[in-house]
Amino acid sequence: VALDAASKEEVQEIISKAQAAGAQLYAEPQDYGWM
């Protein structure tokens, strides 16, 4: 399930909240410059 975010910071904030709520990361963040 892929959803868009308004900024890189929003992506990081959602991931941080998810981890704090018990989620597991399954991939490292990917930064392509434009994405």
Full PDB file with SEQRES, HELIX, SHEET, SSBOND, CRYST1, ORIGX, SCALE, CONECT and MASTER records, all heavy atoms in Angstrom:
SEQRES   1 A   35  VAL ALA LEU ASP ALA ALA SER LYS GLU GLU VAL GLN GLU          
SEQRES   2 A   35  ILE ILE SER LYS ALA GLN ALA ALA GLY ALA GLN LEU TYR          
SEQRES   3 A   35  ALA GLU PRO GLN ASP TYR GLY TRP MET                          
HELIX    1 AA1 LYS A    8  ALA A   20  1                                  13    
CRYST1    1.000    1.000    1.000  90.00  90.00  90.00 P 1           1          
ORIGX1      1.000000  0.000000  0.000000        0.00000                         
ORIGX2      0.000000  1.000000  0.000000        0.00000                         
ORIGX3      0.000000  0.000000  1.000000        0.00000                         
SCALE1      1.000000  0.000000  0.000000        0.00000                         
SCALE2      0.000000  1.000000  0.000000        0.00000                         
SCALE3      0.000000  0.000000  1.000000        0.00000                         
ATOM      1  N   VAL A   1       0.875  -1.168   0.000  1.00  0.00           N  
ATOM      2  CA  VAL A   1       0.000   0.000   0.000  1.00  0.00           C  
ATOM      3  C   VAL A   1       0.910   1.215   0.000  1.00  0.00           C  
ATOM      4  O   VAL A   1       1.659   1.434   0.956  1.00  0.00           O  
ATOM      5  CB  VAL A   1      -0.931   0.015   1.236  1.00  0.00           C  
ATOM      6  CG1 VAL A   1      -1.811   1.255   1.221  1.00  0.00           C  
ATOM      7  CG2 VAL A   1      -1.770  -1.262   1.285  1.00  0.00           C  
ATOM      8  N   ALA A   2       0.870   1.980  -1.073  1.00  0.00           N  
ATOM      9  CA  ALA A   2       1.736   3.158  -1.203  1.00  0.00           C  
ATOM     10  C   ALA A   2       0.883   4.416  -1.179  1.00  0.00           C  
ATOM     11  O   ALA A   2      -0.082   4.538  -1.934  1.00  0.00           O  
ATOM     12  CB  ALA A   2       2.538   3.081  -2.501  1.00  0.00           C  
ATOM     13  N   LEU A   3       1.253   5.327  -0.294  1.00  0.00           N  
ATOM     14  CA  LEU A   3       0.536   6.594  -0.146  1.00  0.00           C  
ATOM     15  C   LEU A   3       1.512   7.747  -0.273  1.00  0.00           C  
ATOM     16  O   LEU A   3       2.671   7.634   0.140  1.00  0.00           O  
ATOM     17  CB  LEU A   3      -0.158   6.653   1.215  1.00  0.00           C  
ATOM     18  CG  LEU A   3      -1.190   5.554   1.492  1.00  0.00           C  
ATOM     19  CD1 LEU A   3      -1.627   5.603   2.943  1.00  0.00           C  
ATOM     20  CD2 LEU A   3      -2.384   5.698   0.555  1.00  0.00           C  
ATOM     21  N   ASP A   4       1.024   8.853  -0.814  1.00  0.00           N  
ATOM     22  CA  ASP A   4       1.899  10.010  -0.959  1.00  0.00           C  
ATOM     23  C   ASP A   4       1.925  10.842   0.316  1.00  0.00           C  
ATOM     24  O   ASP A   4       1.041  10.748   1.155  1.00  0.00           O  
ATOM     25  CB  ASP A   4       1.493  10.870  -2.162  1.00  0.00           C  
ATOM     26  CG  ASP A   4       0.162  11.586  -1.968  1.00  0.00           C  
ATOM     27  OD1 ASP A   4      -0.703  11.068  -1.227  1.00  0.00           O  
ATOM     28  OD2 ASP A   4      -0.014  12.653  -2.555  1.00  0.00           O  
ATOM     29  N   ALA A   5       2.959  11.624   0.440  1.00  0.00           N  
ATOM     30  CA  ALA A   5       3.128  12.533   1.580  1.00  0.00           C  
ATOM     31  C   ALA A   5       3.473  13.910   1.026  1.00  0.00           C  
ATOM     32  O   ALA A   5       3.935  14.046  -0.109  1.00  0.00           O  
ATOM     33  CB  ALA A   5       4.237  12.030   2.496  1.00  0.00           C  
ATOM     34  N   ALA A   6       3.260  14.929   1.838  1.00  0.00           N  
ATOM     35  CA  ALA A   6       3.479  16.307   1.402  1.00  0.00           C  
ATOM     36  C   ALA A   6       4.947  16.708   1.418  1.00  0.00           C  
ATOM     37  O   ALA A   6       5.325  17.696   0.785  1.00  0.00           O  
ATOM     38  CB  ALA A   6       2.666  17.261   2.271  1.00  0.00           C  
ATOM     39  N   SER A   7       5.775  15.950   2.160  1.00  0.00           N  
ATOM     40  CA  SER A   7       7.189  16.310   2.265  1.00  0.00           C  
ATOM     41  C   SER A   7       7.994  15.107   2.749  1.00  0.00           C  
ATOM     42  O   SER A   7       7.436  14.137   3.257  1.00  0.00           O  
ATOM     43  CB  SER A   7       7.381  17.466   3.256  1.00  0.00           C  
ATOM     44  OG  SER A   7       7.068  17.030   4.568  1.00  0.00           O  
ATOM     45  N   LYS A   8       9.302  15.216   2.602  1.00  0.00           N  
ATOM     46  CA  LYS A   8      10.202  14.184   3.117  1.00  0.00           C  
ATOM     47  C   LYS A   8      10.052  14.096   4.638  1.00  0.00           C  
ATOM     48  O   LYS A   8      10.038  13.005   5.213  1.00  0.00           O  
ATOM     49  CB  LYS A   8      11.642  14.549   2.743  1.00  0.00           C  
ATOM     50  CG  LYS A   8      12.680  13.578   3.224  1.00  0.00           C  
ATOM     51  CD  LYS A   8      14.076  13.999   2.764  1.00  0.00           C  
ATOM     52  CE  LYS A   8      15.149  13.077   3.278  1.00  0.00           C  
ATOM     53  NZ  LYS A   8      16.492  13.447   2.801  1.00  0.00           N  
ATOM     54  N   GLU A   9       9.891  15.234   5.275  1.00  0.00           N  
ATOM     55  CA  GLU A   9       9.739  15.274   6.733  1.00  0.00           C  
ATOM     56  C   GLU A   9       8.459  14.569   7.173  1.00  0.00           C  
ATOM     57  O   GLU A   9       8.434  13.894   8.206  1.00  0.00           O  
ATOM     58  CB  GLU A   9       9.758  16.722   7.236  1.00  0.00           C  
ATOM     59  CG  GLU A   9      11.095  17.425   7.071  1.00  0.00           C  
ATOM     60  CD  GLU A   9      11.425  17.826   5.619  1.00  0.00           C  
ATOM     61  OE1 GLU A   9      10.500  18.011   4.802  1.00  0.00           O  
ATOM     62  OE2 GLU A   9      12.630  17.914   5.306  1.00  0.00           O  
ATOM     63  N   GLU A  10       7.389  14.715   6.376  1.00  0.00           N  
ATOM     64  CA  GLU A  10       6.142  14.031   6.715  1.00  0.00           C  
ATOM     65  C   GLU A  10       6.323  12.521   6.616  1.00  0.00           C  
ATOM     66  O   GLU A  10       5.827  11.769   7.460  1.00  0.00           O  
ATOM     67  CB  GLU A  10       4.995  14.485   5.816  1.00  0.00           C  
ATOM     68  CG  GLU A  10       3.674  13.839   6.211  1.00  0.00           C  
ATOM     69  CD  GLU A  10       2.507  14.269   5.355  1.00  0.00           C  
ATOM     70  OE1 GLU A  10       2.661  14.380   4.117  1.00  0.00           O  
ATOM     71  OE2 GLU A  10       1.424  14.473   5.932  1.00  0.00           O  
ATOM     72  N   VAL A  11       7.048  12.045   5.596  1.00  0.00           N  
ATOM     73  CA  VAL A  11       7.336  10.618   5.473  1.00  0.00           C  
ATOM     74  C   VAL A  11       8.065  10.149   6.735  1.00  0.00           C  
ATOM     75  O   VAL A  11       7.688   9.151   7.355  1.00  0.00           O  
ATOM     76  CB  VAL A  11       8.192  10.313   4.219  1.00  0.00           C  
ATOM     77  CG1 VAL A  11       8.661   8.859   4.231  1.00  0.00           C  
ATOM     78  CG2 VAL A  11       7.422  10.617   2.946  1.00  0.00           C  
ATOM     79  N   GLN A  12       9.112  10.871   7.126  1.00  0.00           N  
ATOM     80  CA  GLN A  12       9.898  10.491   8.299  1.00  0.00           C  
ATOM     81  C   GLN A  12       9.046  10.504   9.566  1.00  0.00           C  
ATOM     82  O   GLN A  12       9.183   9.636  10.429  1.00  0.00           O  
ATOM     83  CB  GLN A  12      11.103  11.425   8.435  1.00  0.00           C  
ATOM     84  CG  GLN A  12      12.106  11.243   7.315  1.00  0.00           C  
ATOM     85  CD  GLN A  12      13.149  12.350   7.263  1.00  0.00           C  
ATOM     86  OE1 GLN A  12      12.929  13.477   7.707  1.00  0.00           O  
ATOM     87  NE2 GLN A  12      14.316  12.020   6.697  1.00  0.00           N  
ATOM     88  N   GLU A  13       8.151  11.480   9.685  1.00  0.00           N  
ATOM     89  CA  GLU A  13       7.278  11.582  10.864  1.00  0.00           C  
ATOM     90  C   GLU A  13       6.332  10.377  10.937  1.00  0.00           C  
ATOM     91  O   GLU A  13       6.158   9.780  12.007  1.00  0.00           O  
ATOM     92  CB  GLU A  13       6.475  12.881  10.794  1.00  0.00           C  
ATOM     93  CG  GLU A  13       5.542  13.079  11.962  1.00  0.00           C  
ATOM     94  CD  GLU A  13       4.729  14.361  11.837  1.00  0.00           C  
ATOM     95  OE1 GLU A  13       5.178  15.308  11.156  1.00  0.00           O  
ATOM     96  OE2 GLU A  13       3.642  14.404  12.422  1.00  0.00           O  
ATOM     97  N   ILE A  14       5.738  10.008   9.815  1.00  0.00           N  
ATOM     98  CA  ILE A  14       4.820   8.860   9.790  1.00  0.00           C  
ATOM     99  C   ILE A  14       5.565   7.579  10.161  1.00  0.00           C  
ATOM    100  O   ILE A  14       5.079   6.773  10.958  1.00  0.00           O  
ATOM    101  CB  ILE A  14       4.148   8.728   8.411  1.00  0.00           C  
ATOM    102  CG1 ILE A  14       3.177   9.893   8.192  1.00  0.00           C  
ATOM    103  CG2 ILE A  14       3.421   7.389   8.272  1.00  0.00           C  
ATOM    104  CD1 ILE A  14       2.672  10.023   6.773  1.00  0.00           C  
ATOM    105  N   ILE A  15       6.751   7.403   9.596  1.00  0.00           N  
ATOM    106  CA  ILE A  15       7.536   6.196   9.891  1.00  0.00           C  
ATOM    107  C   ILE A  15       7.905   6.152  11.378  1.00  0.00           C  
ATOM    108  O   ILE A  15       7.818   5.102  12.019  1.00  0.00           O  
ATOM    109  CB  ILE A  15       8.796   6.123   9.006  1.00  0.00           C  
ATOM    110  CG1 ILE A  15       8.416   6.043   7.531  1.00  0.00           C  
ATOM    111  CG2 ILE A  15       9.688   4.956   9.416  1.00  0.00           C  
ATOM    112  CD1 ILE A  15       7.557   4.864   7.131  1.00  0.00           C  
ATOM    113  N   SER A  16       8.296   7.294  11.937  1.00  0.00           N  
ATOM    114  CA  SER A  16       8.629   7.349  13.374  1.00  0.00           C  
ATOM    115  C   SER A  16       7.427   6.991  14.233  1.00  0.00           C  
ATOM    116  O   SER A  16       7.550   6.222  15.202  1.00  0.00           O  
ATOM    117  CB  SER A  16       9.140   8.743  13.742  1.00  0.00           C  
ATOM    118  OG  SER A  16      10.380   8.971  13.138  1.00  0.00           O  
ATOM    119  N   LYS A  17       6.261   7.532  13.892  1.00  0.00           N  
ATOM    120  CA  LYS A  17       5.036   7.220  14.644  1.00  0.00           C  
ATOM    121  C   LYS A  17       4.709   5.734  14.519  1.00  0.00           C  
ATOM    122  O   LYS A  17       4.303   5.100  15.491  1.00  0.00           O  
ATOM    123  CB  LYS A  17       3.866   8.054  14.128  1.00  0.00           C  
ATOM    124  CG  LYS A  17       3.905   9.499  14.537  1.00  0.00           C  
ATOM    125  CD  LYS A  17       2.698  10.230  13.976  1.00  0.00           C  
ATOM    126  CE  LYS A  17       2.703  11.698  14.341  1.00  0.00           C  
ATOM    127  NZ  LYS A  17       1.544  12.397  13.756  1.00  0.00           N  
ATOM    128  N   ALA A  18       4.871   5.190  13.320  1.00  0.00           N  
ATOM    129  CA  ALA A  18       4.573   3.772  13.105  1.00  0.00           C  
ATOM    130  C   ALA A  18       5.490   2.890  13.948  1.00  0.00           C  
ATOM    131  O   ALA A  18       5.031   1.941  14.594  1.00  0.00           O  
ATOM    132  CB  ALA A  18       4.707   3.428  11.617  1.00  0.00           C  
ATOM    133  N   GLN A  19       6.780   3.202  13.955  1.00  0.00           N  
ATOM    134  CA  GLN A  19       7.730   2.425  14.773  1.00  0.00           C  
ATOM    135  C   GLN A  19       7.363   2.513  16.247  1.00  0.00           C  
ATOM    136  O   GLN A  19       7.389   1.505  16.959  1.00  0.00           O  
ATOM    137  CB  GLN A  19       9.149   2.941  14.565  1.00  0.00           C  
ATOM    138  CG  GLN A  19       9.814   2.407  13.324  1.00  0.00           C  
ATOM    139  CD  GLN A  19      11.276   2.784  13.308  1.00  0.00           C  
ATOM    140  OE1 GLN A  19      11.623   3.932  13.026  1.00  0.00           O  
ATOM    141  NE2 GLN A  19      12.125   1.829  13.609  1.00  0.00           N  
ATOM    142  N   ALA A  20       7.032   3.709  16.717  1.00  0.00           N  
ATOM    143  CA  ALA A  20       6.675   3.891  18.123  1.00  0.00           C  
ATOM    144  C   ALA A  20       5.412   3.111  18.487  1.00  0.00           C  
ATOM    145  O   ALA A  20       5.249   2.685  19.627  1.00  0.00           O  
ATOM    146  CB  ALA A  20       6.486   5.381  18.433  1.00  0.00           C  
ATOM    147  N   ALA A  21       4.537   2.902  17.495  1.00  0.00           N  
ATOM    148  CA  ALA A  21       3.288   2.173  17.737  1.00  0.00           C  
ATOM    149  C   ALA A  21       3.439   0.673  17.520  1.00  0.00           C  
ATOM    150  O   ALA A  21       2.470  -0.068  17.643  1.00  0.00           O  
ATOM    151  CB  ALA A  21       2.193   2.734  16.830  1.00  0.00           C  
ATOM    152  N   GLY A  22       4.650   0.196  17.176  1.00  0.00           N  
ATOM    153  CA  GLY A  22       4.893  -1.231  17.070  1.00  0.00           C  
ATOM    154  C   GLY A  22       5.163  -1.757  15.675  1.00  0.00           C  
ATOM    155  O   GLY A  22       5.317  -2.971  15.500  1.00  0.00           O  
ATOM    156  N   ALA A  23       5.232  -0.896  14.676  1.00  0.00           N  
ATOM    157  CA  ALA A  23       5.520  -1.343  13.308  1.00  0.00           C  
ATOM    158  C   ALA A  23       6.971  -1.780  13.184  1.00  0.00           C  
ATOM    159  O   ALA A  23       7.829  -1.355  13.947  1.00  0.00           O  
ATOM    160  CB  ALA A  23       5.244  -0.211  12.314  1.00  0.00           C  
ATOM    161  N   GLN A  24       7.218  -2.625  12.181  1.00  0.00           N  
ATOM    162  CA  GLN A  24       8.572  -3.072  11.873  1.00  0.00           C  
ATOM    163  C   GLN A  24       8.977  -2.489  10.525  1.00  0.00           C  
ATOM    164  O   GLN A  24       8.189  -2.509   9.583  1.00  0.00           O  
ATOM    165  CB  GLN A  24       8.620  -4.600  11.781  1.00  0.00           C  
ATOM    166  CG  GLN A  24       8.235  -5.305  13.063  1.00  0.00           C  
ATOM    167  CD  GLN A  24       9.234  -5.040  14.175  1.00  0.00           C  
ATOM    168  OE1 GLN A  24      10.431  -5.141  13.978  1.00  0.00           O  
ATOM    169  NE2 GLN A  24       8.723  -4.688  15.347  1.00  0.00           N  
ATOM    170  N   LEU A  25      10.186  -1.957  10.446  1.00  0.00           N  
ATOM    171  CA  LEU A  25      10.694  -1.483   9.166  1.00  0.00           C  
ATOM    172  C   LEU A  25      11.090  -2.697   8.339  1.00  0.00           C  
ATOM    173  O   LEU A  25      11.690  -3.629   8.853  1.00  0.00           O  
ATOM    174  CB  LEU A  25      11.897  -0.567   9.358  1.00  0.00           C  
ATOM    175  CG  LEU A  25      11.656   0.698  10.187  1.00  0.00           C  
ATOM    176  CD1 LEU A  25      12.923   1.539  10.221  1.00  0.00           C  
ATOM    177  CD2 LEU A  25      10.487   1.499   9.646  1.00  0.00           C  
ATOM    178  N   TYR A  26      10.752  -2.702   7.069  1.00  0.00           N  
ATOM    179  CA  TYR A  26      11.151  -3.826   6.224  1.00  0.00           C  
ATOM    180  C   TYR A  26      12.062  -3.399   5.089  1.00  0.00           C  
ATOM    181  O   TYR A  26      12.514  -4.234   4.311  1.00  0.00           O  
ATOM    182  CB  TYR A  26       9.939  -4.593   5.672  1.00  0.00           C  
ATOM    183  CG  TYR A  26       9.129  -3.835   4.648  1.00  0.00           C  
ATOM    184  CD1 TYR A  26       9.466  -3.872   3.294  1.00  0.00           C  
ATOM    185  CD2 TYR A  26       8.031  -3.091   5.028  1.00  0.00           C  
ATOM    186  CE1 TYR A  26       8.729  -3.190   2.353  1.00  0.00           C  
ATOM    187  CE2 TYR A  26       7.294  -2.405   4.093  1.00  0.00           C  
ATOM    188  CZ  TYR A  26       7.642  -2.463   2.753  1.00  0.00           C  
ATOM    189  OH  TYR A  26       6.906  -1.770   1.835  1.00  0.00           O  
ATOM    190  N   ALA A  27      12.349  -2.107   4.996  1.00  0.00           N  
ATOM    191  CA  ALA A  27      13.262  -1.597   3.967  1.00  0.00           C  
ATOM    192  C   ALA A  27      13.882  -0.304   4.472  1.00  0.00           C  
ATOM    193  O   ALA A  27      13.294   0.404   5.288  1.00  0.00           O  
ATOM    194  CB  ALA A  27      12.524  -1.356   2.656  1.00  0.00           C  
ATOM    195  N   GLU A  28      15.064  -0.022   3.990  1.00  0.00           N  
ATOM    196  CA  GLU A  28      15.727   1.234   4.313  1.00  0.00           C  
ATOM    197  C   GLU A  28      15.077   2.358   3.507  1.00  0.00           C  
ATOM    198  O   GLU A  28      14.524   2.111   2.422  1.00  0.00           O  
ATOM    199  CB  GLU A  28      17.215   1.152   3.964  1.00  0.00           C  
ATOM    200  CG  GLU A  28      17.995   0.173   4.818  1.00  0.00           C  
ATOM    201  CD  GLU A  28      18.009   0.553   6.283  1.00  0.00           C  
ATOM    202  OE1 GLU A  28      18.201   1.742   6.588  1.00  0.00           O  
ATOM    203  OE2 GLU A  28      17.816  -0.343   7.125  1.00  0.00           O  
ATOM    204  N   PRO A  29      15.148   3.600   4.003  1.00  0.00           N  
ATOM    205  CA  PRO A  29      14.601   4.703   3.208  1.00  0.00           C  
ATOM    206  C   PRO A  29      15.376   4.835   1.894  1.00  0.00           C  
ATOM    207  O   PRO A  29      16.566   4.532   1.833  1.00  0.00           O  
ATOM    208  CB  PRO A  29      14.803   5.929   4.097  1.00  0.00           C  
ATOM    209  CG  PRO A  29      15.808   5.540   5.112  1.00  0.00           C  
ATOM    210  CD  PRO A  29      15.754   4.047   5.250  1.00  0.00           C  
ATOM    211  N   GLN A  30      14.664   5.248   0.862  1.00  0.00           N  
ATOM    212  CA  GLN A  30      15.265   5.448  -0.451  1.00  0.00           C  
ATOM    213  C   GLN A  30      15.139   6.927  -0.816  1.00  0.00           C  
ATOM    214  O   GLN A  30      14.037   7.468  -0.795  1.00  0.00           O  
ATOM    215  CB  GLN A  30      14.558   4.599  -1.511  1.00  0.00           C  
ATOM    216  CG  GLN A  30      14.581   3.113  -1.220  1.00  0.00           C  
ATOM    217  CD  GLN A  30      15.978   2.540  -1.264  1.00  0.00           C  
ATOM    218  OE1 GLN A  30      16.723   2.766  -2.208  1.00  0.00           O  
ATOM    219  NE2 GLN A  30      16.340   1.782  -0.233  1.00  0.00           N  
ATOM    220  N   ASP A  31      16.252   7.556  -1.148  1.00  0.00           N  
ATOM    221  CA  ASP A  31      16.240   8.971  -1.535  1.00  0.00           C  
ATOM    222  C   ASP A  31      16.833   9.089  -2.933  1.00  0.00           C  
ATOM    223  O   ASP A  31      18.021   8.854  -3.140  1.00  0.00           O  
ATOM    224  CB  ASP A  31      17.052   9.807  -0.538  1.00  0.00           C  
ATOM    225  CG  ASP A  31      16.826  11.293  -0.707  1.00  0.00           C  
ATOM    226  OD1 ASP A  31      16.358  11.724  -1.787  1.00  0.00           O  
ATOM    227  OD2 ASP A  31      17.110  12.035   0.244  1.00  0.00           O  
ATOM    228  N   TYR A  32      15.970   9.415  -3.890  1.00  0.00           N  
ATOM    229  CA  TYR A  32      16.383   9.544  -5.278  1.00  0.00           C  
ATOM    230  C   TYR A  32      16.559  11.012  -5.684  1.00  0.00           C  
ATOM    231  O   TYR A  32      16.682  11.316  -6.851  1.00  0.00           O  
ATOM    232  CB  TYR A  32      15.356   8.887  -6.197  1.00  0.00           C  
ATOM    233  CG  TYR A  32      15.150   7.419  -5.892  1.00  0.00           C  
ATOM    234  CD1 TYR A  32      14.067   6.993  -5.132  1.00  0.00           C  
ATOM    235  CD2 TYR A  32      16.051   6.463  -6.351  1.00  0.00           C  
ATOM    236  CE1 TYR A  32      13.876   5.645  -4.841  1.00  0.00           C  
ATOM    237  CE2 TYR A  32      15.875   5.113  -6.056  1.00  0.00           C  
ATOM    238  CZ  TYR A  32      14.786   4.723  -5.310  1.00  0.00           C  
ATOM    239  OH  TYR A  32      14.604   3.388  -5.018  1.00  0.00           O  
ATOM    240  N   GLY A  33      16.550  11.897  -4.717  1.00  0.00           N  
ATOM    241  CA  GLY A  33      16.647  13.326  -5.009  1.00  0.00           C  
ATOM    242  C   GLY A  33      15.275  13.920  -5.270  1.00  0.00           C  
ATOM    243  O   GLY A  33      14.799  14.750  -4.515  1.00  0.00           O  
ATOM    244  N   TRP A  34      14.616  13.444  -6.284  1.00  0.00           N  
ATOM    245  CA  TRP A  34      13.272  13.933  -6.627  1.00  0.00           C  
ATOM    246  C   TRP A  34      12.164  13.133  -5.929  1.00  0.00           C  
ATOM    247  O   TRP A  34      11.019  13.544  -5.856  1.00  0.00           O  
ATOM    248  CB  TRP A  34      13.058  13.881  -8.141  1.00  0.00           C  
ATOM    249  CG  TRP A  34      13.136  12.482  -8.698  1.00  0.00           C  
ATOM    250  CD1 TRP A  34      14.263  11.789  -9.034  1.00  0.00           C  
ATOM    251  CD2 TRP A  34      12.045  11.602  -8.941  1.00  0.00           C  
ATOM    252  NE1 TRP A  34      13.938  10.528  -9.479  1.00  0.00           N  
ATOM    253  CE2 TRP A  34      12.573  10.386  -9.444  1.00  0.00           C  
ATOM    254  CE3 TRP A  34      10.666  11.713  -8.798  1.00  0.00           C  
ATOM    255  CZ2 TRP A  34      11.790   9.307  -9.787  1.00  0.00           C  
ATOM    256  CZ3 TRP A  34       9.874  10.626  -9.150  1.00  0.00           C  
ATOM    257  CH2 TRP A  34      10.440   9.442  -9.642  1.00  0.00           C  
ATOM    258  N   MET A  35      12.545  11.951  -5.377  1.00  0.00           N  
ATOM    259  CA  MET A  35      11.568  11.106  -4.685  1.00  0.00           C  
ATOM    260  C   MET A  35      12.215  10.519  -3.438  1.00  0.00           C  
ATOM    261  O   MET A  35      13.360  10.077  -3.468  1.00  0.00           O  
ATOM    262  CB  MET A  35      11.099   9.976  -5.601  1.00  0.00           C  
ATOM    263  CG  MET A  35      10.051   9.077  -4.948  1.00  0.00           C  
ATOM    264  SD  MET A  35       9.342   7.847  -6.071  1.00  0.00           S  
ATOM    265  CE  MET A  35      10.646   6.630  -6.097  1.00  0.00           C  
TER     266      MET A  35                                                      
MASTER        0    0    0    1    0    0    0    6  265    1    0    3          
END                                                                             
